[in-house]
Amino acid sequence: MTSSFTEGTIDFTRNDETYQTYYKRFGDLENRTRNPLVVLHGGPGLCHNYLVSFADLSSKYHIPVILYDQLGNGKSTHLREQPPEFWTIDLFIDELVNLLNYFSIQDSFDLVGHSWGGILASEFEVRRQPAGLKHLILSNSLAASSLRNKSNMQLIQAFPDDVKQGLMGGLKEPEKFFEALKEFHSVHGCMTRPIPEEYWYTLEQVFGPDGDPTVTAARIVRKWSIIDRLHLVRVPTFVINGHHDISQDFVVQPFFDKIRKVKWVTFENSSHSPFIEEKDRYMRLVAEFLAL
């Protein structure tokens, strides 16, 4: 069943230029009985489409859900001409704050960040200490880019040479990279068969022949770490990963070690997308956590 939704765009002004942030809202904000949940997609450089299963939280648990495409991605304004230094964590935090204010939910809301979205969510909490944030969910994310890089290097060893070479070549050879990336994600990205169209569509928006790799190519999280600042996370936090995940246990372990109020669940039959692979259990556990 497809949940009904409202979509639109939000003006976002930066350096006297006004851009558009595309959003998709599920559920009723006016008469809500639960805090709205804002969902932050991965990348940096992907879009919201592969996260549509979060709409189940609205239809089954009466939690309003807001998905959106971060600036430079999906249906939001694309800025291919902007240099790498334009794309910063603070830019995306400011865009998130703008969205919260637009919906007038800044005084009481929850956040879930998937992969890069978890970086964005955790940095928002640590840098801004938002008064209205009640719960934080870090799904299949990372505490440091060095840990994710270590995990990637370990996991690609099991693949054929052409996949290894394609991944190592990066965006310098985009076609080979994308073919290799699809092989890698078929094992460690999403184990559901068939893999949902929304999943491949999301990757194609960046790495496909008509994709826009601007944000991804900016390498925003190169040499990034939040490990030494995790003690600044104030709110109850739910850490999630999959047994076959790109975010192996050691990639998320610092969250569990250093955040004061934290729980951690590993989905045994999932990789990087348990919200697709084990959707019902994932949404039930998230709903239960958000009710605490």
C-alpha atoms as a PDB file:
ATOM      1  CA  MET A   1       0.000   0.000   0.000  1.00  0.00           C
ATOM      2  CA  THR A   2       1.324   3.423  -0.961  1.00  0.00           C
ATOM      3  CA  SER A   3       0.773   6.090   1.680  1.00  0.00           C
ATOM      4  CA  SER A   4      -0.653   9.429   0.571  1.00  0.00           C
ATOM      5  CA  PHE A   5       1.746  12.327   0.742  1.00  0.00           C
ATOM      6  CA  THR A   6       2.137  16.032   0.155  1.00  0.00           C
ATOM      7  CA  GLU A   7       5.101  17.315  -1.848  1.00  0.00           C
ATOM      8  CA  GLY A   8       6.517  20.734  -2.572  1.00  0.00           C
ATOM      9  CA  THR A   9       9.597  22.928  -2.398  1.00  0.00           C
ATOM     10  CA  ILE A  10      11.010  25.242   0.258  1.00  0.00           C
ATOM     11  CA  ASP A  11      13.009  28.407  -0.451  1.00  0.00           C
ATOM     12  CA  PHE A  12      16.520  28.146   0.993  1.00  0.00           C
ATOM     13  CA  THR A  13      18.697  31.255   0.832  1.00  0.00           C
ATOM     14  CA  ARG A  14      22.479  31.072   0.935  1.00  0.00           C
ATOM     15  CA  ASN A  15      24.857  33.946   0.155  1.00  0.00           C
ATOM     16  CA  ASP A  16      21.987  36.032  -1.275  1.00  0.00           C
ATOM     17  CA  GLU A  17      21.010  33.235  -3.663  1.00  0.00           C
ATOM     18  CA  THR A  18      17.708  31.412  -3.195  1.00  0.00           C
ATOM     19  CA  TYR A  19      17.509  27.707  -3.952  1.00  0.00           C
ATOM     20  CA  GLN A  20      14.768  25.082  -3.683  1.00  0.00           C
ATOM     21  CA  THR A  21      14.626  22.125  -1.289  1.00  0.00           C
ATOM     22  CA  TYR A  22      12.192  19.435  -2.443  1.00  0.00           C
ATOM     23  CA  TYR A  23      10.215  17.605   0.264  1.00  0.00           C
ATOM     24  CA  LYS A  24       7.691  14.789   0.581  1.00  0.00           C
ATOM     25  CA  ARG A  25       5.530  14.746   3.724  1.00  0.00           C
ATOM     26  CA  PHE A  26       3.529  11.787   5.038  1.00  0.00           C
ATOM     27  CA  GLY A  27       0.954  12.221   7.771  1.00  0.00           C
ATOM     28  CA  ASP A  28      -0.783  15.141   9.461  1.00  0.00           C
ATOM     29  CA  LEU A  29       1.407  17.752  11.143  1.00  0.00           C
ATOM     30  CA  GLU A  30      -1.526  19.873  12.318  1.00  0.00           C
ATOM     31  CA  ASN A  31      -3.230  17.225  14.471  1.00  0.00           C
ATOM     32  CA  ARG A  32      -0.212  15.097  15.321  1.00  0.00           C
ATOM     33  CA  THR A  33       0.017  13.004  18.457  1.00  0.00           C
ATOM     34  CA  ARG A  34       3.657  11.967  17.854  1.00  0.00           C
ATOM     35  CA  ASN A  35       6.734  14.039  17.091  1.00  0.00           C
ATOM     36  CA  PRO A  36       7.457  14.335  13.364  1.00  0.00           C
ATOM     37  CA  LEU A  37      10.414  12.340  12.071  1.00  0.00           C
ATOM     38  CA  VAL A  38      12.730  13.991   9.543  1.00  0.00           C
ATOM     39  CA  VAL A  39      14.664  11.495   7.393  1.00  0.00           C
ATOM     40  CA  LEU A  40      18.140  12.399   6.095  1.00  0.00           C
ATOM     41  CA  HIS A  41      19.288  10.496   3.020  1.00  0.00           C
ATOM     42  CA  GLY A  42      22.722   9.114   2.295  1.00  0.00           C
ATOM     43  CA  GLY A  43      25.542  10.112   0.000  1.00  0.00           C
ATOM     44  CA  PRO A  44      26.526  12.834   0.173  1.00  0.00           C
ATOM     45  CA  GLY A  45      24.832  13.252  -3.170  1.00  0.00           C
ATOM     46  CA  LEU A  46      21.967  10.748  -3.181  1.00  0.00           C
ATOM     47  CA  CYS A  47      18.223  11.530  -2.898  1.00  0.00           C
ATOM     48  CA  HIS A  48      15.211  10.495  -0.818  1.00  0.00           C
ATOM     49  CA  ASN A  49      13.615   7.886  -3.088  1.00  0.00           C
ATOM     50  CA  TYR A  50      15.151   4.728  -1.601  1.00  0.00           C
ATOM     51  CA  LEU A  51      13.823   5.715   1.843  1.00  0.00           C
ATOM     52  CA  VAL A  52      10.107   5.668   0.957  1.00  0.00           C
ATOM     53  CA  SER A  53       9.515   2.699   3.275  1.00  0.00           C
ATOM     54  CA  PHE A  54       9.711   5.159   6.188  1.00  0.00           C
ATOM     55  CA  ALA A  55       6.196   6.192   5.152  1.00  0.00           C
ATOM     56  CA  ASP A  56       5.074   3.059   7.026  1.00  0.00           C
ATOM     57  CA  LEU A  57       5.763   4.923  10.273  1.00  0.00           C
ATOM     58  CA  SER A  58       2.998   7.324   9.287  1.00  0.00           C
ATOM     59  CA  SER A  59       0.431   4.781   8.111  1.00  0.00           C
ATOM     60  CA  LYS A  60       1.049   2.187  10.860  1.00  0.00           C
ATOM     61  CA  TYR A  61       2.259   4.212  13.846  1.00  0.00           C
ATOM     62  CA  HIS A  62       0.802   7.703  13.228  1.00  0.00           C
ATOM     63  CA  ILE A  63       4.246   9.339  13.140  1.00  0.00           C
ATOM     64  CA  PRO A  64       4.429  12.212  10.622  1.00  0.00           C
ATOM     65  CA  VAL A  65       7.404  11.630   8.314  1.00  0.00           C
ATOM     66  CA  ILE A  66       9.272  14.175   6.193  1.00  0.00           C
ATOM     67  CA  LEU A  67      11.656  13.083   3.442  1.00  0.00           C
ATOM     68  CA  TYR A  68      13.596  15.610   1.397  1.00  0.00           C
ATOM     69  CA  ASP A  69      16.319  15.910  -1.220  1.00  0.00           C
ATOM     70  CA  GLN A  70      19.338  17.768   0.087  1.00  0.00           C
ATOM     71  CA  LEU A  71      20.572  20.706  -1.973  1.00  0.00           C
ATOM     72  CA  GLY A  72      22.306  19.661  -5.197  1.00  0.00           C
ATOM     73  CA  ASN A  73      20.433  16.360  -5.347  1.00  0.00           C
ATOM     74  CA  GLY A  74      17.228  14.783  -6.667  1.00  0.00           C
ATOM     75  CA  LYS A  75      14.439  17.305  -7.219  1.00  0.00           C
ATOM     76  CA  SER A  76      16.144  20.079  -5.258  1.00  0.00           C
ATOM     77  CA  THR A  77      18.208  22.771  -6.988  1.00  0.00           C
ATOM     78  CA  HIS A  78      21.292  21.409  -8.745  1.00  0.00           C
ATOM     79  CA  LEU A  79      24.446  23.540  -8.667  1.00  0.00           C
ATOM     80  CA  ARG A  80      26.955  21.882 -10.952  1.00  0.00           C
ATOM     81  CA  GLU A  81      28.953  25.118 -11.227  1.00  0.00           C
ATOM     82  CA  GLN A  82      29.681  25.386  -7.506  1.00  0.00           C
ATOM     83  CA  PRO A  83      33.254  24.546  -6.421  1.00  0.00           C
ATOM     84  CA  PRO A  84      33.927  21.777  -3.867  1.00  0.00           C
ATOM     85  CA  GLU A  85      34.401  24.275  -1.022  1.00  0.00           C
ATOM     86  CA  PHE A  86      30.769  25.400  -1.392  1.00  0.00           C
ATOM     87  CA  TRP A  87      29.592  21.995  -0.179  1.00  0.00           C
ATOM     88  CA  THR A  88      30.050  21.820   3.586  1.00  0.00           C
ATOM     89  CA  ILE A  89      28.417  20.077   6.522  1.00  0.00           C
ATOM     90  CA  ASP A  90      27.247  23.461   7.813  1.00  0.00           C
ATOM     91  CA  LEU A  91      25.507  24.164   4.489  1.00  0.00           C
ATOM     92  CA  PHE A  92      23.421  21.018   4.855  1.00  0.00           C
ATOM     93  CA  ILE A  93      22.765  21.699   8.541  1.00  0.00           C
ATOM     94  CA  ASP A  94      21.495  25.179   7.624  1.00  0.00           C
ATOM     95  CA  GLU A  95      19.220  23.627   5.001  1.00  0.00           C
ATOM     96  CA  LEU A  96      17.864  21.210   7.622  1.00  0.00           C
ATOM     97  CA  VAL A  97      17.217  24.067  10.080  1.00  0.00           C
ATOM     98  CA  ASN A  98      15.406  25.939   7.309  1.00  0.00           C
ATOM     99  CA  LEU A  99      13.178  22.904   6.695  1.00  0.00           C
ATOM    100  CA  LEU A 100      12.382  22.511  10.404  1.00  0.00           C
ATOM    101  CA  ASN A 101      11.414  26.178  10.613  1.00  0.00           C
ATOM    102  CA  TYR A 102       9.313  25.959   7.441  1.00  0.00           C
ATOM    103  CA  PHE A 103       7.171  23.223   8.966  1.00  0.00           C
ATOM    104  CA  SER A 104       7.222  24.915  12.412  1.00  0.00           C
ATOM    105  CA  ILE A 105       8.464  21.716  14.048  1.00  0.00           C
ATOM    106  CA  GLN A 106      11.770  23.067  15.376  1.00  0.00           C
ATOM    107  CA  ASP A 107      10.534  22.888  18.982  1.00  0.00           C
ATOM    108  CA  SER A 108       9.862  19.129  18.987  1.00  0.00           C
ATOM    109  CA  PHE A 109      11.082  16.668  16.361  1.00  0.00           C
ATOM    110  CA  ASP A 110      13.055  13.458  15.831  1.00  0.00           C
ATOM    111  CA  LEU A 111      15.806  12.710  13.319  1.00  0.00           C
ATOM    112  CA  VAL A 112      16.934   9.600  11.480  1.00  0.00           C
ATOM    113  CA  GLY A 113      20.014   9.744   9.311  1.00  0.00           C
ATOM    114  CA  HIS A 114      21.002   6.921   6.959  1.00  0.00           C
ATOM    115  CA  SER A 115      24.708   6.519   6.131  1.00  0.00           C
ATOM    116  CA  TRP A 116      25.909  10.075   5.289  1.00  0.00           C
ATOM    117  CA  GLY A 117      22.593  11.238   6.712  1.00  0.00           C
ATOM    118  CA  GLY A 118      23.818   9.928  10.062  1.00  0.00           C
ATOM    119  CA  ILE A 119      26.885  12.144   9.765  1.00  0.00           C
ATOM    120  CA  LEU A 120      24.634  15.102   9.086  1.00  0.00           C
ATOM    121  CA  ALA A 121      22.304  14.239  11.984  1.00  0.00           C
ATOM    122  CA  SER A 122      25.094  13.673  14.500  1.00  0.00           C
ATOM    123  CA  GLU A 123      26.935  16.828  13.431  1.00  0.00           C
ATOM    124  CA  PHE A 124      23.699  18.832  13.774  1.00  0.00           C
ATOM    125  CA  GLU A 125      23.322  17.589  17.339  1.00  0.00           C
ATOM    126  CA  VAL A 126      26.971  18.179  18.278  1.00  0.00           C
ATOM    127  CA  ARG A 127      27.473  21.545  16.542  1.00  0.00           C
ATOM    128  CA  ARG A 128      24.096  23.195  17.161  1.00  0.00           C
ATOM    129  CA  GLN A 129      22.622  21.375  20.202  1.00  0.00           C
ATOM    130  CA  PRO A 130      19.074  21.923  18.869  1.00  0.00           C
ATOM    131  CA  ALA A 131      16.631  22.406  21.739  1.00  0.00           C
ATOM    132  CA  GLY A 132      13.758  20.673  19.921  1.00  0.00           C
ATOM    133  CA  LEU A 133      15.550  17.423  19.048  1.00  0.00           C
ATOM    134  CA  LYS A 134      14.087  14.568  21.136  1.00  0.00           C
ATOM    135  CA  HIS A 135      15.490  11.361  19.572  1.00  0.00           C
ATOM    136  CA  LEU A 136      18.381  10.567  17.214  1.00  0.00           C
ATOM    137  CA  ILE A 137      18.591   7.462  15.005  1.00  0.00           C
ATOM    138  CA  LEU A 138      21.907   6.682  13.308  1.00  0.00           C
ATOM    139  CA  SER A 139      21.104   4.023  10.725  1.00  0.00           C
ATOM    140  CA  ASN A 140      23.938   2.226   8.922  1.00  0.00           C
ATOM    141  CA  SER A 141      26.173   5.220   9.500  1.00  0.00           C
ATOM    142  CA  LEU A 142      29.787   5.800  10.503  1.00  0.00           C
ATOM    143  CA  ALA A 143      31.714   7.480  13.277  1.00  0.00           C
ATOM    144  CA  ALA A 144      34.760   8.251  11.113  1.00  0.00           C
ATOM    145  CA  SER A 145      35.568   8.105   7.414  1.00  0.00           C
ATOM    146  CA  SER A 146      38.726   6.114   8.178  1.00  0.00           C
ATOM    147  CA  LEU A 147      36.595   3.316   9.685  1.00  0.00           C
ATOM    148  CA  ARG A 148      34.296   3.229   6.653  1.00  0.00           C
ATOM    149  CA  ASN A 149      37.303   3.195   4.319  1.00  0.00           C
ATOM    150  CA  LYS A 150      38.789   0.279   6.266  1.00  0.00           C
ATOM    151  CA  SER A 151      35.491  -1.589   5.999  1.00  0.00           C
ATOM    152  CA  ASN A 152      35.220  -0.970   2.255  1.00  0.00           C
ATOM    153  CA  MET A 153      38.768  -2.234   1.678  1.00  0.00           C
ATOM    154  CA  GLN A 154      38.047  -5.387   3.660  1.00  0.00           C
ATOM    155  CA  LEU A 155      34.778  -6.135   1.891  1.00  0.00           C
ATOM    156  CA  ILE A 156      35.930  -5.581  -1.689  1.00  0.00           C
ATOM    157  CA  GLN A 157      38.621  -8.252  -1.299  1.00  0.00           C
ATOM    158  CA  ALA A 158      35.951 -10.909  -1.848  1.00  0.00           C
ATOM    159  CA  PHE A 159      34.995  -9.504  -5.281  1.00  0.00           C
ATOM    160  CA  PRO A 160      36.491 -10.250  -8.724  1.00  0.00           C
ATOM    161  CA  ASP A 161      39.334  -8.102 -10.004  1.00  0.00           C
ATOM    162  CA  ASP A 162      37.138  -6.110 -12.409  1.00  0.00           C
ATOM    163  CA  VAL A 163      34.914  -5.023  -9.524  1.00  0.00           C
ATOM    164  CA  LYS A 164      37.927  -4.108  -7.393  1.00  0.00           C
ATOM    165  CA  GLN A 165      39.464  -2.104 -10.233  1.00  0.00           C
ATOM    166  CA  GLY A 166      36.195  -0.360 -11.017  1.00  0.00           C
ATOM    167  CA  LEU A 167      35.702   0.710  -7.415  1.00  0.00           C
ATOM    168  CA  MET A 168      39.309   1.799  -6.966  1.00  0.00           C
ATOM    169  CA  GLY A 169      39.157   3.864 -10.167  1.00  0.00           C
ATOM    170  CA  GLY A 170      36.402   6.000  -8.723  1.00  0.00           C
ATOM    171  CA  LEU A 171      34.686   8.724 -10.722  1.00  0.00           C
ATOM    172  CA  LYS A 172      37.625   9.014 -13.126  1.00  0.00           C
ATOM    173  CA  GLU A 173      36.009   6.152 -15.060  1.00  0.00           C
ATOM    174  CA  PRO A 174      32.337   6.599 -14.172  1.00  0.00           C
ATOM    175  CA  GLU A 175      30.873   3.745 -16.224  1.00  0.00           C
ATOM    176  CA  LYS A 176      33.247   1.132 -14.800  1.00  0.00           C
ATOM    177  CA  PHE A 177      32.778   2.573 -11.329  1.00  0.00           C
ATOM    178  CA  PHE A 178      28.982   2.384 -11.489  1.00  0.00           C
ATOM    179  CA  GLU A 179      28.986  -1.195 -12.774  1.00  0.00           C
ATOM    180  CA  ALA A 180      31.337  -2.198  -9.956  1.00  0.00           C
ATOM    181  CA  LEU A 181      29.289  -0.249  -7.426  1.00  0.00           C
ATOM    182  CA  LYS A 182      26.148  -2.148  -8.448  1.00  0.00           C
ATOM    183  CA  GLU A 183      27.925  -5.459  -7.885  1.00  0.00           C
ATOM    184  CA  PHE A 184      29.134  -4.293  -4.482  1.00  0.00           C
ATOM    185  CA  HIS A 185      25.709  -2.978  -3.435  1.00  0.00           C
ATOM    186  CA  SER A 186      24.028  -6.225  -4.499  1.00  0.00           C
ATOM    187  CA  VAL A 187      25.906  -7.871  -1.608  1.00  0.00           C
ATOM    188  CA  HIS A 188      26.485  -5.136   0.962  1.00  0.00           C
ATOM    189  CA  GLY A 189      23.909  -2.483   0.015  1.00  0.00           C
ATOM    190  CA  CYS A 190      20.575  -4.287  -0.311  1.00  0.00           C
ATOM    191  CA  MET A 191      20.027  -8.050  -0.086  1.00  0.00           C
ATOM    192  CA  THR A 192      16.321  -7.984  -0.997  1.00  0.00           C
ATOM    193  CA  ARG A 193      15.518  -9.643  -4.339  1.00  0.00           C
ATOM    194  CA  PRO A 194      14.600  -8.079  -6.577  1.00  0.00           C
ATOM    195  CA  ILE A 195      16.305  -4.940  -5.333  1.00  0.00           C
ATOM    196  CA  PRO A 196      13.631  -2.206  -5.375  1.00  0.00           C
ATOM    197  CA  GLU A 197      13.607   0.160  -8.351  1.00  0.00           C
ATOM    198  CA  GLU A 198      13.872   3.111  -5.953  1.00  0.00           C
ATOM    199  CA  TYR A 199      17.240   1.842  -4.757  1.00  0.00           C
ATOM    200  CA  TRP A 200      18.786   1.711  -8.234  1.00  0.00           C
ATOM    201  CA  TYR A 201      17.077   4.978  -9.220  1.00  0.00           C
ATOM    202  CA  THR A 202      18.755   6.728  -6.297  1.00  0.00           C
ATOM    203  CA  LEU A 203      22.219   5.558  -7.336  1.00  0.00           C
ATOM    204  CA  GLU A 204      21.535   6.446 -10.986  1.00  0.00           C
ATOM    205  CA  GLN A 205      20.805  10.049 -10.001  1.00  0.00           C
ATOM    206  CA  VAL A 206      24.483  10.347  -9.117  1.00  0.00           C
ATOM    207  CA  PHE A 207      26.397   7.695 -11.027  1.00  0.00           C
ATOM    208  CA  GLY A 208      24.185   6.995 -14.060  1.00  0.00           C
ATOM    209  CA  PRO A 209      24.783   8.506 -17.532  1.00  0.00           C
ATOM    210  CA  ASP A 210      22.507  11.465 -16.738  1.00  0.00           C
ATOM    211  CA  GLY A 211      23.465  11.701 -13.081  1.00  0.00           C
ATOM    212  CA  ASP A 212      24.890  14.671 -11.207  1.00  0.00           C
ATOM    213  CA  PRO A 213      27.984  13.719  -9.157  1.00  0.00           C
ATOM    214  CA  THR A 214      28.749  17.303  -8.054  1.00  0.00           C
ATOM    215  CA  VAL A 215      28.038  16.823  -4.357  1.00  0.00           C
ATOM    216  CA  THR A 216      29.617  13.372  -4.179  1.00  0.00           C
ATOM    217  CA  ALA A 217      32.755  14.606  -5.958  1.00  0.00           C
ATOM    218  CA  ALA A 218      33.199  17.408  -3.399  1.00  0.00           C
ATOM    219  CA  ARG A 219      34.419  14.789  -0.883  1.00  0.00           C
ATOM    220  CA  ILE A 220      32.805  16.583   2.052  1.00  0.00           C
ATOM    221  CA  VAL A 221      33.640  13.870   4.565  1.00  0.00           C
ATOM    222  CA  ARG A 222      37.209  13.157   3.557  1.00  0.00           C
ATOM    223  CA  LYS A 223      39.253  12.673   6.758  1.00  0.00           C
ATOM    224  CA  TRP A 224      36.102  13.258   8.828  1.00  0.00           C
ATOM    225  CA  SER A 225      35.552  11.981  12.373  1.00  0.00           C
ATOM    226  CA  ILE A 226      33.111  12.722  15.164  1.00  0.00           C
ATOM    227  CA  ILE A 227      34.515  10.183  17.648  1.00  0.00           C
ATOM    228  CA  ASP A 228      36.112  12.759  19.964  1.00  0.00           C
ATOM    229  CA  ARG A 229      32.867  14.801  20.077  1.00  0.00           C
ATOM    230  CA  LEU A 230      30.311  12.055  20.664  1.00  0.00           C
ATOM    231  CA  HIS A 231      30.142  12.875  24.377  1.00  0.00           C
ATOM    232  CA  LEU A 232      28.298  16.045  23.267  1.00  0.00           C
ATOM    233  CA  VAL A 233      25.304  14.019  22.045  1.00  0.00           C
ATOM    234  CA  ARG A 234      22.586  14.772  24.628  1.00  0.00           C
ATOM    235  CA  VAL A 235      19.522  12.939  23.307  1.00  0.00           C
ATOM    236  CA  PRO A 236      18.591   9.240  23.373  1.00  0.00           C
ATOM    237  CA  THR A 237      20.216   7.610  20.354  1.00  0.00           C
ATOM    238  CA  PHE A 238      19.406   4.406  18.458  1.00  0.00           C
ATOM    239  CA  VAL A 239      22.313   2.914  16.472  1.00  0.00           C
ATOM    240  CA  ILE A 240      21.400   0.464  13.701  1.00  0.00           C
ATOM    241  CA  ASN A 241      23.468  -1.610  11.301  1.00  0.00           C
ATOM    242  CA  GLY A 242      23.205  -4.872   9.374  1.00  0.00           C
ATOM    243  CA  HIS A 243      25.189  -8.094   9.707  1.00  0.00           C
ATOM    244  CA  HIS A 244      26.338  -7.788   6.067  1.00  0.00           C
ATOM    245  CA  ASP A 245      26.580  -3.998   6.163  1.00  0.00           C
ATOM    246  CA  ILE A 246      29.156  -1.668   4.658  1.00  0.00           C
ATOM    247  CA  SER A 247      28.925  -0.183   8.160  1.00  0.00           C
ATOM    248  CA  GLN A 248      30.429  -3.174   9.932  1.00  0.00           C
ATOM    249  CA  ASP A 249      30.287  -3.308  13.725  1.00  0.00           C
ATOM    250  CA  PHE A 250      33.638  -1.581  14.194  1.00  0.00           C
ATOM    251  CA  VAL A 251      32.433   1.324  12.029  1.00  0.00           C
ATOM    252  CA  VAL A 252      29.563   2.124  14.420  1.00  0.00           C
ATOM    253  CA  GLN A 253      31.088   0.869  17.701  1.00  0.00           C
ATOM    254  CA  PRO A 254      32.256   4.374  18.795  1.00  0.00           C
ATOM    255  CA  PHE A 255      28.621   5.538  18.843  1.00  0.00           C
ATOM    256  CA  PHE A 256      27.814   2.834  21.393  1.00  0.00           C
ATOM    257  CA  ASP A 257      30.970   3.441  23.413  1.00  0.00           C
ATOM    258  CA  LYS A 258      30.798   7.216  23.679  1.00  0.00           C
ATOM    259  CA  ILE A 259      27.144   8.339  23.486  1.00  0.00           C
ATOM    260  CA  ARG A 260      25.606   8.424  26.970  1.00  0.00           C
ATOM    261  CA  LYS A 261      22.028   7.323  26.205  1.00  0.00           C
ATOM    262  CA  VAL A 262      22.322   4.729  23.462  1.00  0.00           C
ATOM    263  CA  LYS A 263      20.987   1.393  22.219  1.00  0.00           C
ATOM    264  CA  TRP A 264      22.350  -0.651  19.322  1.00  0.00           C
ATOM    265  CA  VAL A 265      20.631  -3.284  17.173  1.00  0.00           C
ATOM    266  CA  THR A 266      22.274  -5.269  14.378  1.00  0.00           C
ATOM    267  CA  PHE A 267      19.823  -6.717  11.843  1.00  0.00           C
ATOM    268  CA  GLU A 268      21.085 -10.233  11.142  1.00  0.00           C
ATOM    269  CA  ASN A 269      19.429 -10.622   7.735  1.00  0.00           C
ATOM    270  CA  SER A 270      20.340  -7.189   6.387  1.00  0.00           C
ATOM    271  CA  SER A 271      23.164  -5.245   4.846  1.00  0.00           C
ATOM    272  CA  HIS A 272      23.071  -1.447   4.395  1.00  0.00           C
ATOM    273  CA  SER A 273      19.262  -1.122   4.041  1.00  0.00           C
ATOM    274  CA  PRO A 274      17.399  -2.927   6.857  1.00  0.00           C
ATOM    275  CA  PHE A 275      14.496  -0.500   6.357  1.00  0.00           C
ATOM    276  CA  ILE A 276      13.979  -2.418   3.079  1.00  0.00           C
ATOM    277  CA  GLU A 277      15.436  -5.838   3.924  1.00  0.00           C
ATOM    278  CA  GLU A 278      13.693  -6.305   7.294  1.00  0.00           C
ATOM    279  CA  LYS A 279      11.204  -3.487   6.971  1.00  0.00           C
ATOM    280  CA  ASP A 280       8.498  -4.552   9.398  1.00  0.00           C
ATOM    281  CA  ARG A 281      10.856  -5.239  12.293  1.00  0.00           C
ATOM    282  CA  TYR A 282      12.881  -2.117  11.541  1.00  0.00           C
ATOM    283  CA  MET A 283       9.831   0.155  11.612  1.00  0.00           C
ATOM    284  CA  ARG A 284       8.474  -1.497  14.766  1.00  0.00           C
ATOM    285  CA  LEU A 285      11.748  -1.000  16.641  1.00  0.00           C
ATOM    286  CA  VAL A 286      12.049   2.593  15.428  1.00  0.00           C
ATOM    287  CA  ALA A 287       8.462   3.364  16.481  1.00  0.00           C
ATOM    288  CA  GLU A 288       9.067   1.815  19.895  1.00  0.00           C
ATOM    289  CA  PHE A 289      12.255   3.826  20.365  1.00  0.00           C
ATOM    290  CA  LEU A 290      10.572   7.068  19.361  1.00  0.00           C
ATOM    291  CA  ALA A 291       7.838   6.421  21.951  1.00  0.00           C
ATOM    292  CA  LEU A 292      10.360   6.334  24.821  1.00  0.00           C
END
